[in-house]
Amino acid sequence: MKRYLNCYDTHSCVRCFSCMTNCSVENRVRLQRDQHIPSEQTANHPMHHLNYLMPRLKEFGVFPKARQIIEFHHCMHCENHPCLDICPAFAIVKRPSGAVVILEERCVGCRSCIDACPYDVPVYNPETNKTYKCILCFDRIENGLVPACVEACPTGAMFSGPEDEVLKEANERASFYTERYGEPYVVYGAQRLNGYVGRTGWLTIVPEADLEAYGLPQDPVKSAAIMRGPLKVGGAGLAGLTALACTGHFLYWLYNRKLEVARDQEGRNVLEQGAEAGEGTDQGTTSGQAKEENRQEETDGD
């Protein structure tokens, strides 16, 4: 299967939030389909962790030049997927389409993926002790459907498809906007951003000057997660050195203990030999006295 991409066109978005609504509905339908949870229960209980597409309203500037933008906070489905690499439970997998997916049944709630994500996307739910994020509707894509958010968008601000088709459309739109409005537009994620995330599976057409405003850093990285790998290797090395040192100390103690036992045994042997020699002297003296007494008795008898 070819790599599949999603794209969000910030210029065409009318902020109707149909994408967010349909995403939430789709995830509740999945609960009914996969976990047999009644639709009445999913509809009447808030499940914020299943809102994979979260809009954030931001305001910039001052009147009369103030303006509002909507930043859509969602998983970027990174090519190099640092969340997958750091997961200790192997609960995150990469689908053939490129979607990076958390497997709920494997998740142990350690939240390492949160520490690794440079976009701060994964959401932890303390009720289930699981972490959640966008799955790029891989189940729909692999069955010939488009993602729920794309299906609901009335303006075409969200579109998806095979990599070559989406890149072609996104670049054409960015070029048109650049020429039409006199400011450079870029397709964020189409090119390799850095070695930490690589390219992204979710593209964004955005004015270059507004990248940071839309929560799209040009060098997305989590320093703590980068350090964790070398620290793990270093920790393993230190653990090995510690075990080696303990083994050496034990062998040194054992050697000294053997010498100490040997010295004690030698001392005891000397004492025993001295005692035996003393006993032999006493016996000889006693025997001599007995002979002398016998001779005296014989003399007295004569």
Foldseek 3Di string as FASTA:
>chain_A
DFAKFKEFEQVQDPPPCLLQVLQLVVLLVCCCVPVVDDSVVSVPDDDVLSRQWDWDWDWDDDPPPIDIGIAIQAAQLFQQQLLCVQDPQNQWDADPNSFIAGNFVRFQLPCVSCLWFLLSRWDADPVSSGIHHDRLPVVQVVVPHHDRSCVRDPRNSMDMDGPVVVVVVLVVVQVVCCVVVVFGWDWQQNAQLDPSRGGTRYIYTGGPVCCVVSSHDSRRGRVVSVVVVVVVVVVVVVVVVVVVVVVVVVVVVVVVVVVVVVVVVVVVVVVVVVVVVVVVVVVVVVVVVVVVVVVVVVVVVD
